[in-house]
Amino acid sequence: SLSSVNTSLSSVNTSLSSVNTSLTILSRYVTILSKYVTILSKYVTLISKYVTILSKYVTILSKYVTILSKYVTIFSKYVTILSKYVTIPAEDEGNADRGLDP
């Protein structure tokens, strides 16, 4: 009977040893995975910072483009108004060489 108990305990010990080995291997994989996740997290954080900075520059650029667009619109209106009052006569061929003959 004691021999049977001893055999059973030995079998349990072998099973527990196998489970322990499996858990050790699993723990190593989890540790490696954790390191990769940490590195990935750092890259994602860095990319997020760059995207935030880029977004700020795009916002600033957009404001400058809007302001420039307003100035171009105003300039275009002035040119239109000026063109109504200032007419540049086109030179015809007869007048183009007048005064050049000796």
PDB file of N, CA and C in Angstrom:
ATOM      1  N   SER A   1       0.827  -1.192   0.000  1.00  0.00           N
ATOM      2  CA  SER A   1       0.000   0.000   0.000  1.00  0.00           C
ATOM      3  C   SER A   1       0.873   1.257   0.000  1.00  0.00           C
ATOM      4  N   LEU A   2       1.923   1.210   0.830  1.00  0.00           N
ATOM      5  CA  LEU A   2       2.840   2.354   0.837  1.00  0.00           C
ATOM      6  C   LEU A   2       3.568   2.459  -0.491  1.00  0.00           C
ATOM      7  N   SER A   3       3.842   1.360  -1.084  1.00  0.00           N
ATOM      8  CA  SER A   3       4.506   1.352  -2.383  1.00  0.00           C
ATOM      9  C   SER A   3       3.599   1.973  -3.443  1.00  0.00           C
ATOM     10  N   SER A   4       2.318   1.661  -3.334  1.00  0.00           N
ATOM     11  CA  SER A   4       1.352   2.230  -4.273  1.00  0.00           C
ATOM     12  C   SER A   4       1.247   3.738  -4.080  1.00  0.00           C
ATOM     13  N   VAL A   5       1.240   4.183  -2.838  1.00  0.00           N
ATOM     14  CA  VAL A   5       1.186   5.620  -2.543  1.00  0.00           C
ATOM     15  C   VAL A   5       2.455   6.289  -3.059  1.00  0.00           C
ATOM     16  N   ASN A   6       3.569   5.626  -2.839  1.00  0.00           N
ATOM     17  CA  ASN A   6       4.850   6.168  -3.294  1.00  0.00           C
ATOM     18  C   ASN A   6       4.871   6.299  -4.822  1.00  0.00           C
ATOM     19  N   THR A   7       4.349   5.293  -5.513  1.00  0.00           N
ATOM     20  CA  THR A   7       4.292   5.337  -6.973  1.00  0.00           C
ATOM     21  C   THR A   7       3.375   6.469  -7.435  1.00  0.00           C
ATOM     22  N   SER A   8       2.230   6.605  -6.749  1.00  0.00           N
ATOM     23  CA  SER A   8       1.290   7.678  -7.099  1.00  0.00           C
ATOM     24  C   SER A   8       1.907   9.045  -6.861  1.00  0.00           C
ATOM     25  N   LEU A   9       2.611   9.175  -5.724  1.00  0.00           N
ATOM     26  CA  LEU A   9       3.256  10.461  -5.433  1.00  0.00           C
ATOM     27  C   LEU A   9       4.380  10.752  -6.428  1.00  0.00           C
ATOM     28  N   SER A  10       5.069   9.729  -6.835  1.00  0.00           N
ATOM     29  CA  SER A  10       6.126   9.897  -7.830  1.00  0.00           C
ATOM     30  C   SER A  10       5.531  10.345  -9.165  1.00  0.00           C
ATOM     31  N   SER A  11       4.387   9.769  -9.504  1.00  0.00           N
ATOM     32  CA  SER A  11       3.702  10.148 -10.738  1.00  0.00           C
ATOM     33  C   SER A  11       3.214  11.600 -10.666  1.00  0.00           C
ATOM     34  N   VAL A  12       2.683  11.973  -9.518  1.00  0.00           N
ATOM     35  CA  VAL A  12       2.225  13.355  -9.308  1.00  0.00           C
ATOM     36  C   VAL A  12       3.418  14.300  -9.388  1.00  0.00           C
ATOM     37  N   ASN A  13       4.535  13.898  -8.804  1.00  0.00           N
ATOM     38  CA  ASN A  13       5.751  14.710  -8.820  1.00  0.00           C
ATOM     39  C   ASN A  13       6.247  14.917 -10.262  1.00  0.00           C
ATOM     40  N   THR A  14       6.206  13.859 -11.061  1.00  0.00           N
ATOM     41  CA  THR A  14       6.618  13.953 -12.464  1.00  0.00           C
ATOM     42  C   THR A  14       5.687  14.889 -13.228  1.00  0.00           C
ATOM     43  N   SER A  15       4.383  14.753 -12.975  1.00  0.00           N
ATOM     44  CA  SER A  15       3.410  15.622 -13.632  1.00  0.00           C
ATOM     45  C   SER A  15       3.615  17.076 -13.229  1.00  0.00           C
ATOM     46  N   LEU A  16       3.850  17.312 -11.953  1.00  0.00           N
ATOM     47  CA  LEU A  16       4.068  18.678 -11.477  1.00  0.00           C
ATOM     48  C   LEU A  16       5.364  19.251 -12.043  1.00  0.00           C
ATOM     49  N   SER A  17       6.360  18.401 -12.175  1.00  0.00           N
ATOM     50  CA  SER A  17       7.620  18.842 -12.767  1.00  0.00           C
ATOM     51  C   SER A  17       7.415  19.235 -14.230  1.00  0.00           C
ATOM     52  N   SER A  18       6.613  18.460 -14.934  1.00  0.00           N
ATOM     53  CA  SER A  18       6.294  18.775 -16.328  1.00  0.00           C
ATOM     54  C   SER A  18       5.518  20.090 -16.429  1.00  0.00           C
ATOM     55  N   VAL A  19       4.565  20.281 -15.534  1.00  0.00           N
ATOM     56  CA  VAL A  19       3.788  21.525 -15.509  1.00  0.00           C
ATOM     57  C   VAL A  19       4.716  22.695 -15.186  1.00  0.00           C
ATOM     58  N   ASN A  20       5.622  22.494 -14.255  1.00  0.00           N
ATOM     59  CA  ASN A  20       6.565  23.536 -13.875  1.00  0.00           C
ATOM     60  C   ASN A  20       7.444  23.936 -15.070  1.00  0.00           C
ATOM     61  N   THR A  21       7.925  22.946 -15.821  1.00  0.00           N
ATOM     62  CA  THR A  21       8.740  23.210 -17.008  1.00  0.00           C
ATOM     63  C   THR A  21       7.926  23.986 -18.048  1.00  0.00           C
ATOM     64  N   SER A  22       6.695  23.566 -18.259  1.00  0.00           N
ATOM     65  CA  SER A  22       5.825  24.256 -19.215  1.00  0.00           C
ATOM     66  C   SER A  22       5.569  25.694 -18.786  1.00  0.00           C
ATOM     67  N   LEU A  23       5.336  25.895 -17.515  1.00  0.00           N
ATOM     68  CA  LEU A  23       5.088  27.247 -17.018  1.00  0.00           C
ATOM     69  C   LEU A  23       6.343  28.115 -17.119  1.00  0.00           C
ATOM     70  N   THR A  24       7.507  27.516 -16.919  1.00  0.00           N
ATOM     71  CA  THR A  24       8.764  28.261 -17.070  1.00  0.00           C
ATOM     72  C   THR A  24       8.941  28.717 -18.512  1.00  0.00           C
ATOM     73  N   ILE A  25       8.695  27.812 -19.453  1.00  0.00           N
ATOM     74  CA  ILE A  25       8.796  28.159 -20.879  1.00  0.00           C
ATOM     75  C   ILE A  25       7.775  29.236 -21.226  1.00  0.00           C
ATOM     76  N   LEU A  26       6.559  29.072 -20.749  1.00  0.00           N
ATOM     77  CA  LEU A  26       5.515  30.066 -21.001  1.00  0.00           C
ATOM     78  C   LEU A  26       5.896  31.416 -20.404  1.00  0.00           C
ATOM     79  N   SER A  27       6.477  31.405 -19.240  1.00  0.00           N
ATOM     80  CA  SER A  27       6.910  32.640 -18.591  1.00  0.00           C
ATOM     81  C   SER A  27       7.979  33.346 -19.422  1.00  0.00           C
ATOM     82  N   ARG A  28       8.895  32.579 -20.010  1.00  0.00           N
ATOM     83  CA  ARG A  28       9.931  33.174 -20.867  1.00  0.00           C
ATOM     84  C   ARG A  28       9.294  33.827 -22.096  1.00  0.00           C
ATOM     85  N   TYR A  29       8.345  33.127 -22.717  1.00  0.00           N
ATOM     86  CA  TYR A  29       7.664  33.702 -23.879  1.00  0.00           C
ATOM     87  C   TYR A  29       6.899  34.971 -23.514  1.00  0.00           C
ATOM     88  N   VAL A  30       6.240  34.954 -22.371  1.00  0.00           N
ATOM     89  CA  VAL A  30       5.489  36.129 -21.918  1.00  0.00           C
ATOM     90  C   VAL A  30       6.449  37.291 -21.651  1.00  0.00           C
ATOM     91  N   THR A  31       7.614  36.994 -21.077  1.00  0.00           N
ATOM     92  CA  THR A  31       8.611  38.038 -20.830  1.00  0.00           C
ATOM     93  C   THR A  31       9.095  38.642 -22.140  1.00  0.00           C
ATOM     94  N   ILE A  32       9.393  37.803 -23.119  1.00  0.00           N
ATOM     95  CA  ILE A  32       9.840  38.285 -24.431  1.00  0.00           C
ATOM     96  C   ILE A  32       8.728  39.103 -25.090  1.00  0.00           C
ATOM     97  N   LEU A  33       7.521  38.589 -25.040  1.00  0.00           N
ATOM     98  CA  LEU A  33       6.382  39.306 -25.617  1.00  0.00           C
ATOM     99  C   LEU A  33       6.179  40.655 -24.935  1.00  0.00           C
ATOM    100  N   SER A  34       6.353  40.686 -23.646  1.00  0.00           N
ATOM    101  CA  SER A  34       6.221  41.918 -22.878  1.00  0.00           C
ATOM    102  C   SER A  34       7.264  42.944 -23.322  1.00  0.00           C
ATOM    103  N   LYS A  35       8.495  42.486 -23.581  1.00  0.00           N
ATOM    104  CA  LYS A  35       9.545  43.400 -24.049  1.00  0.00           C
ATOM    105  C   LYS A  35       9.185  43.969 -25.416  1.00  0.00           C
ATOM    106  N   TYR A  36       8.688  43.115 -26.314  1.00  0.00           N
ATOM    107  CA  TYR A  36       8.284  43.594 -27.635  1.00  0.00           C
ATOM    108  C   TYR A  36       7.127  44.579 -27.546  1.00  0.00           C
ATOM    109  N   VAL A  37       6.188  44.317 -26.677  1.00  0.00           N
ATOM    110  CA  VAL A  37       5.052  45.217 -26.497  1.00  0.00           C
ATOM    111  C   VAL A  37       5.532  46.561 -25.935  1.00  0.00           C
ATOM    112  N   THR A  38       6.493  46.522 -25.022  1.00  0.00           N
ATOM    113  CA  THR A  38       7.051  47.755 -24.467  1.00  0.00           C
ATOM    114  C   THR A  38       7.733  48.571 -25.557  1.00  0.00           C
ATOM    115  N   ILE A  39       8.536  47.908 -26.393  1.00  0.00           N
ATOM    116  CA  ILE A  39       9.216  48.594 -27.501  1.00  0.00           C
ATOM    117  C   ILE A  39       8.185  49.160 -28.478  1.00  0.00           C
ATOM    118  N   LEU A  40       7.198  48.360 -28.823  1.00  0.00           N
ATOM    119  CA  LEU A  40       6.142  48.809 -29.727  1.00  0.00           C
ATOM    120  C   LEU A  40       5.400  50.009 -29.147  1.00  0.00           C
ATOM    121  N   SER A  41       5.151  49.974 -27.866  1.00  0.00           N
ATOM    122  CA  SER A  41       4.468  51.075 -27.189  1.00  0.00           C
ATOM    123  C   SER A  41       5.290  52.354 -27.280  1.00  0.00           C
ATOM    124  N   LYS A  42       6.613  52.230 -27.129  1.00  0.00           N
ATOM    125  CA  LYS A  42       7.481  53.411 -27.232  1.00  0.00           C
ATOM    126  C   LYS A  42       7.427  53.984 -28.640  1.00  0.00           C
ATOM    127  N   TYR A  43       7.446  53.117 -29.653  1.00  0.00           N
ATOM    128  CA  TYR A  43       7.369  53.587 -31.037  1.00  0.00           C
ATOM    129  C   TYR A  43       6.030  54.246 -31.310  1.00  0.00           C
ATOM    130  N   VAL A  44       4.972  53.667 -30.803  1.00  0.00           N
ATOM    131  CA  VAL A  44       3.635  54.249 -31.004  1.00  0.00           C
ATOM    132  C   VAL A  44       3.562  55.619 -30.324  1.00  0.00           C
ATOM    133  N   THR A  45       4.139  55.734 -29.141  1.00  0.00           N
ATOM    134  CA  THR A  45       4.160  57.011 -28.441  1.00  0.00           C
ATOM    135  C   THR A  45       4.955  58.040 -29.231  1.00  0.00           C
ATOM    136  N   LEU A  46       6.103  57.631 -29.753  1.00  0.00           N
ATOM    137  CA  LEU A  46       6.938  58.531 -30.553  1.00  0.00           C
ATOM    138  C   LEU A  46       6.215  58.974 -31.820  1.00  0.00           C
ATOM    139  N   ILE A  47       5.599  58.024 -32.501  1.00  0.00           N
ATOM    140  CA  ILE A  47       4.843  58.350 -33.712  1.00  0.00           C
ATOM    141  C   ILE A  47       3.685  59.289 -33.365  1.00  0.00           C
ATOM    142  N   SER A  48       3.047  59.055 -32.257  1.00  0.00           N
ATOM    143  CA  SER A  48       1.943  59.911 -31.821  1.00  0.00           C
ATOM    144  C   SER A  48       2.425  61.339 -31.586  1.00  0.00           C
ATOM    145  N   LYS A  49       3.616  61.484 -30.984  1.00  0.00           N
ATOM    146  CA  LYS A  49       4.170  62.822 -30.755  1.00  0.00           C
ATOM    147  C   LYS A  49       4.458  63.513 -32.080  1.00  0.00           C
ATOM    148  N   TYR A  50       5.054  62.776 -33.031  1.00  0.00           N
ATOM    149  CA  TYR A  50       5.341  63.361 -34.335  1.00  0.00           C
ATOM    150  C   TYR A  50       4.059  63.752 -35.065  1.00  0.00           C
ATOM    151  N   VAL A  51       3.036  62.927 -34.957  1.00  0.00           N
ATOM    152  CA  VAL A  51       1.755  63.239 -35.600  1.00  0.00           C
ATOM    153  C   VAL A  51       1.142  64.480 -34.953  1.00  0.00           C
ATOM    154  N   THR A  52       1.262  64.611 -33.656  1.00  0.00           N
ATOM    155  CA  THR A  52       0.741  65.792 -32.968  1.00  0.00           C
ATOM    156  C   THR A  52       1.466  67.045 -33.437  1.00  0.00           C
ATOM    157  N   ILE A  53       2.803  66.971 -33.517  1.00  0.00           N
ATOM    158  CA  ILE A  53       3.597  68.112 -33.987  1.00  0.00           C
ATOM    159  C   ILE A  53       3.238  68.441 -35.431  1.00  0.00           C
ATOM    160  N   LEU A  54       3.153  67.409 -36.263  1.00  0.00           N
ATOM    161  CA  LEU A  54       2.788  67.619 -37.669  1.00  0.00           C
ATOM    162  C   LEU A  54       1.401  68.252 -37.780  1.00  0.00           C
ATOM    163  N   SER A  55       0.498  67.805 -36.956  1.00  0.00           N
ATOM    164  CA  SER A  55      -0.859  68.359 -36.963  1.00  0.00           C
ATOM    165  C   SER A  55      -0.840  69.845 -36.605  1.00  0.00           C
ATOM    166  N   LYS A  56       0.004  70.224 -35.641  1.00  0.00           N
ATOM    167  CA  LYS A  56       0.103  71.642 -35.268  1.00  0.00           C
ATOM    168  C   LYS A  56       0.648  72.456 -36.437  1.00  0.00           C
ATOM    169  N   TYR A  57       1.687  71.935 -37.110  1.00  0.00           N
ATOM    170  CA  TYR A  57       2.245  72.649 -38.256  1.00  0.00           C
ATOM    171  C   TYR A  57       1.230  72.765 -39.389  1.00  0.00           C
ATOM    172  N   VAL A  58       0.466  71.715 -39.617  1.00  0.00           N
ATOM    173  CA  VAL A  58      -0.567  71.751 -40.659  1.00  0.00           C
ATOM    174  C   VAL A  58      -1.632  72.787 -40.304  1.00  0.00           C
ATOM    175  N   THR A  59      -1.994  72.860 -39.035  1.00  0.00           N
ATOM    176  CA  THR A  59      -2.981  73.857 -38.599  1.00  0.00           C
ATOM    177  C   THR A  59      -2.451  75.266 -38.825  1.00  0.00           C
ATOM    178  N   ILE A  60      -1.193  75.505 -38.449  1.00  0.00           N
ATOM    179  CA  ILE A  60      -0.580  76.821 -38.653  1.00  0.00           C
ATOM    180  C   ILE A  60      -0.505  77.137 -40.141  1.00  0.00           C
ATOM    181  N   LEU A  61      -0.057  76.158 -40.927  1.00  0.00           N
ATOM    182  CA  LEU A  61       0.034  76.360 -42.373  1.00  0.00           C
ATOM    183  C   LEU A  61      -1.338  76.662 -42.963  1.00  0.00           C
ATOM    184  N   SER A  62      -2.339  75.975 -42.490  1.00  0.00           N
ATOM    185  CA  SER A  62      -3.704  76.209 -42.964  1.00  0.00           C
ATOM    186  C   SER A  62      -4.152  77.640 -42.663  1.00  0.00           C
ATOM    187  N   LYS A  63      -3.794  78.148 -41.488  1.00  0.00           N
ATOM    188  CA  LYS A  63      -4.147  79.526 -41.142  1.00  0.00           C
ATOM    189  C   LYS A  63      -3.437  80.510 -42.066  1.00  0.00           C
ATOM    190  N   TYR A  64      -2.153  80.261 -42.327  1.00  0.00           N
ATOM    191  CA  TYR A  64      -1.413  81.146 -43.233  1.00  0.00           C
ATOM    192  C   TYR A  64      -1.985  81.102 -44.649  1.00  0.00           C
ATOM    193  N   VAL A  65      -2.362  79.918 -45.090  1.00  0.00           N
ATOM    194  CA  VAL A  65      -2.958  79.788 -46.425  1.00  0.00           C
ATOM    195  C   VAL A  65      -4.294  80.528 -46.475  1.00  0.00           C
ATOM    196  N   THR A  66      -5.071  80.461 -45.418  1.00  0.00           N
ATOM    197  CA  THR A  66      -6.342  81.181 -45.363  1.00  0.00           C
ATOM    198  C   THR A  66      -6.106  82.686 -45.425  1.00  0.00           C
ATOM    199  N   ILE A  67      -5.129  83.170 -44.647  1.00  0.00           N
ATOM    200  CA  ILE A  67      -4.812  84.603 -44.656  1.00  0.00           C
ATOM    201  C   ILE A  67      -4.308  85.009 -46.041  1.00  0.00           C
ATOM    202  N   LEU A  68      -3.414  84.214 -46.609  1.00  0.00           N
ATOM    203  CA  LEU A  68      -2.894  84.513 -47.945  1.00  0.00           C
ATOM    204  C   LEU A  68      -4.015  84.531 -48.970  1.00  0.00           C
ATOM    205  N   SER A  69      -4.933  83.612 -48.845  1.00  0.00           N
ATOM    206  CA  SER A  69      -6.070  83.563 -49.757  1.00  0.00           C
ATOM    207  C   SER A  69      -6.901  84.838 -49.657  1.00  0.00           C
ATOM    208  N   LYS A  70      -7.094  85.353 -48.449  1.00  0.00           N
ATOM    209  CA  LYS A  70      -7.845  86.594 -48.274  1.00  0.00           C
ATOM    210  C   LYS A  70      -7.114  87.756 -48.938  1.00  0.00           C
ATOM    211  N   TYR A  71      -5.779  87.823 -48.756  1.00  0.00           N
ATOM    212  CA  TYR A  71      -5.004  88.889 -49.392  1.00  0.00           C
ATOM    213  C   TYR A  71      -5.050  88.783 -50.915  1.00  0.00           C
ATOM    214  N   VAL A  72      -4.986  87.582 -51.419  1.00  0.00           N
ATOM    215  CA  VAL A  72      -5.069  87.384 -52.874  1.00  0.00           C
ATOM    216  C   VAL A  72      -6.434  87.819 -53.382  1.00  0.00           C
ATOM    217  N   THR A  73      -7.480  87.510 -52.640  1.00  0.00           N
ATOM    218  CA  THR A  73      -8.833  87.929 -53.027  1.00  0.00           C
ATOM    219  C   THR A  73      -8.941  89.452 -53.044  1.00  0.00           C
ATOM    220  N   ILE A  74      -8.403  90.089 -51.990  1.00  0.00           N
ATOM    221  CA  ILE A  74      -8.428  91.559 -51.926  1.00  0.00           C
ATOM    222  C   ILE A  74      -7.614  92.148 -53.072  1.00  0.00           C
ATOM    223  N   PHE A  75      -6.421  91.601 -53.312  1.00  0.00           N
ATOM    224  CA  PHE A  75      -5.575  92.076 -54.400  1.00  0.00           C
ATOM    225  C   PHE A  75      -6.286  91.914 -55.743  1.00  0.00           C
ATOM    226  N   SER A  76      -6.960  90.799 -55.915  1.00  0.00           N
ATOM    227  CA  SER A  76      -7.701  90.549 -57.151  1.00  0.00           C
ATOM    228  C   SER A  76      -8.811  91.580 -57.332  1.00  0.00           C
ATOM    229  N   LYS A  77      -9.490  91.946 -56.256  1.00  0.00           N
ATOM    230  CA  LYS A  77     -10.545  92.961 -56.345  1.00  0.00           C
ATOM    231  C   LYS A  77      -9.956  94.312 -56.733  1.00  0.00           C
ATOM    232  N   TYR A  78      -8.811  94.667 -56.128  1.00  0.00           N
ATOM    233  CA  TYR A  78      -8.157  95.931 -56.482  1.00  0.00           C
ATOM    234  C   TYR A  78      -7.711  95.935 -57.938  1.00  0.00           C
ATOM    235  N   VAL A  79      -7.193  94.840 -58.405  1.00  0.00           N
ATOM    236  CA  VAL A  79      -6.765  94.751 -59.798  1.00  0.00           C
ATOM    237  C   VAL A  79      -7.976  94.887 -60.717  1.00  0.00           C
ATOM    238  N   THR A  80      -9.076  94.273 -60.334  1.00  0.00           N
ATOM    239  CA  THR A  80     -10.297  94.384 -61.135  1.00  0.00           C
ATOM    240  C   THR A  80     -10.773  95.833 -61.178  1.00  0.00           C
ATOM    241  N   ILE A  81     -10.785  96.503 -60.026  1.00  0.00           N
ATOM    242  CA  ILE A  81     -11.207  97.903 -59.966  1.00  0.00           C
ATOM    243  C   ILE A  81     -10.242  98.771 -60.773  1.00  0.00           C
ATOM    244  N   LEU A  82      -8.947  98.523 -60.593  1.00  0.00           N
ATOM    245  CA  LEU A  82      -7.945  99.301 -61.312  1.00  0.00           C
ATOM    246  C   LEU A  82      -8.060  99.102 -62.817  1.00  0.00           C
ATOM    247  N   SER A  83      -8.361  97.896 -63.224  1.00  0.00           N
ATOM    248  CA  SER A  83      -8.462  97.627 -64.657  1.00  0.00           C
ATOM    249  C   SER A  83      -9.662  98.334 -65.287  1.00  0.00           C
ATOM    250  N   LYS A  84     -10.653  98.687 -64.500  1.00  0.00           N
ATOM    251  CA  LYS A  84     -11.794  99.433 -65.026  1.00  0.00           C
ATOM    252  C   LYS A  84     -11.415 100.885 -65.320  1.00  0.00           C
ATOM    253  N   TYR A  85     -10.505 101.421 -64.527  1.00  0.00           N
ATOM    254  CA  TYR A  85     -10.117 102.819 -64.669  1.00  0.00           C
ATOM    255  C   TYR A  85      -8.882 103.018 -65.541  1.00  0.00           C
ATOM    256  N   VAL A  86      -8.045 102.016 -65.632  1.00  0.00           N
ATOM    257  CA  VAL A  86      -6.828 102.141 -66.412  1.00  0.00           C
ATOM    258  C   VAL A  86      -6.943 101.225 -67.603  1.00  0.00           C
ATOM    259  N   THR A  87      -6.937 101.816 -68.785  1.00  0.00           N
ATOM    260  CA  THR A  87      -6.972 100.996 -69.988  1.00  0.00           C
ATOM    261  C   THR A  87      -5.657 101.189 -70.710  1.00  0.00           C
ATOM    262  N   ILE A  88      -5.061 100.126 -71.098  1.00  0.00           N
ATOM    263  CA  ILE A  88      -3.803 100.184 -71.826  1.00  0.00           C
ATOM    264  C   ILE A  88      -4.141  99.977 -73.288  1.00  0.00           C
ATOM    265  N   PRO A  89      -3.927 101.015 -74.112  1.00  0.00           N
ATOM    266  CA  PRO A  89      -4.278 100.866 -75.516  1.00  0.00           C
ATOM    267  C   PRO A  89      -3.342  99.890 -76.208  1.00  0.00           C
ATOM    268  N   ALA A  90      -3.911  99.076 -77.029  1.00  0.00           N
ATOM    269  CA  ALA A  90      -3.094  98.129 -77.781  1.00  0.00           C
ATOM    270  C   ALA A  90      -2.481  98.856 -78.961  1.00  0.00           C
ATOM    271  N   GLU A  91      -1.198  98.610 -79.206  1.00  0.00           N
ATOM    272  CA  GLU A  91      -0.534  99.266 -80.332  1.00  0.00           C
ATOM    273  C   GLU A  91      -0.852  98.487 -81.588  1.00  0.00           C
ATOM    274  N   ASP A  92      -1.257  99.222 -82.607  1.00  0.00           N
ATOM    275  CA  ASP A  92      -1.465  98.531 -83.870  1.00  0.00           C
ATOM    276  C   ASP A  92      -0.170  98.617 -84.671  1.00  0.00           C
ATOM    277  N   GLU A  93      -0.123  97.893 -85.746  1.00  0.00           N
ATOM    278  CA  GLU A  93       1.129  97.809 -86.500  1.00  0.00           C
ATOM    279  C   GLU A  93       1.530  99.150 -87.094  1.00  0.00           C
ATOM    280  N   GLY A  94       0.561  99.969 -87.461  1.00  0.00           N
ATOM    281  CA  GLY A  94       0.868 101.269 -88.036  1.00  0.00           C
ATOM    282  C   GLY A  94       1.537 102.191 -87.040  1.00  0.00           C
ATOM    283  N   ASN A  95       1.094 102.119 -85.789  1.00  0.00           N
ATOM    284  CA  ASN A  95       1.671 102.992 -84.773  1.00  0.00           C
ATOM    285  C   ASN A  95       2.928 102.409 -84.162  1.00  0.00           C
ATOM    286  N   ALA A  96       3.150 101.141 -84.341  1.00  0.00           N
ATOM    287  CA  ALA A  96       4.251 100.491 -83.665  1.00  0.00           C
ATOM    288  C   ALA A  96       5.596 100.985 -84.150  1.00  0.00           C
ATOM    289  N   ASP A  97       5.715 101.278 -85.462  1.00  0.00           N
ATOM    290  CA  ASP A  97       7.020 101.719 -85.939  1.00  0.00           C
ATOM    291  C   ASP A  97       7.004 103.188 -86.327  1.00  0.00           C
ATOM    292  N   ARG A  98       6.048 103.940 -85.842  1.00  0.00           N
ATOM    293  CA  ARG A  98       6.038 105.376 -86.116  1.00  0.00           C
ATOM    294  C   ARG A  98       7.176 106.034 -85.358  1.00  0.00           C
ATOM    295  N   GLY A  99       7.890 106.900 -85.977  1.00  0.00           N
ATOM    296  CA  GLY A  99       8.980 107.591 -85.337  1.00  0.00           C
ATOM    297  C   GLY A  99      10.301 106.872 -85.449  1.00  0.00           C
ATOM    298  N   LEU A 100      10.301 105.678 -86.032  1.00  0.00           N
ATOM    299  CA  LEU A 100      11.565 104.955 -86.162  1.00  0.00           C
ATOM    300  C   LEU A 100      12.244 105.261 -87.480  1.00  0.00           C
ATOM    301  N   ASP A 101      11.476 105.771 -88.440  1.00  0.00           N
ATOM    302  CA  ASP A 101      12.097 106.080 -89.745  1.00  0.00           C
ATOM    303  C   ASP A 101      12.907 107.373 -89.639  1.00  0.00           C
ATOM    304  N   PRO A 102      14.076 107.391 -90.274  1.00  0.00           N
ATOM    305  CA  PRO A 102      14.901 108.609 -90.192  1.00  0.00           C
ATOM    306  C   PRO A 102      14.323 109.750 -91.008  1.00  0.00           C
TER     307      PRO A 102
END
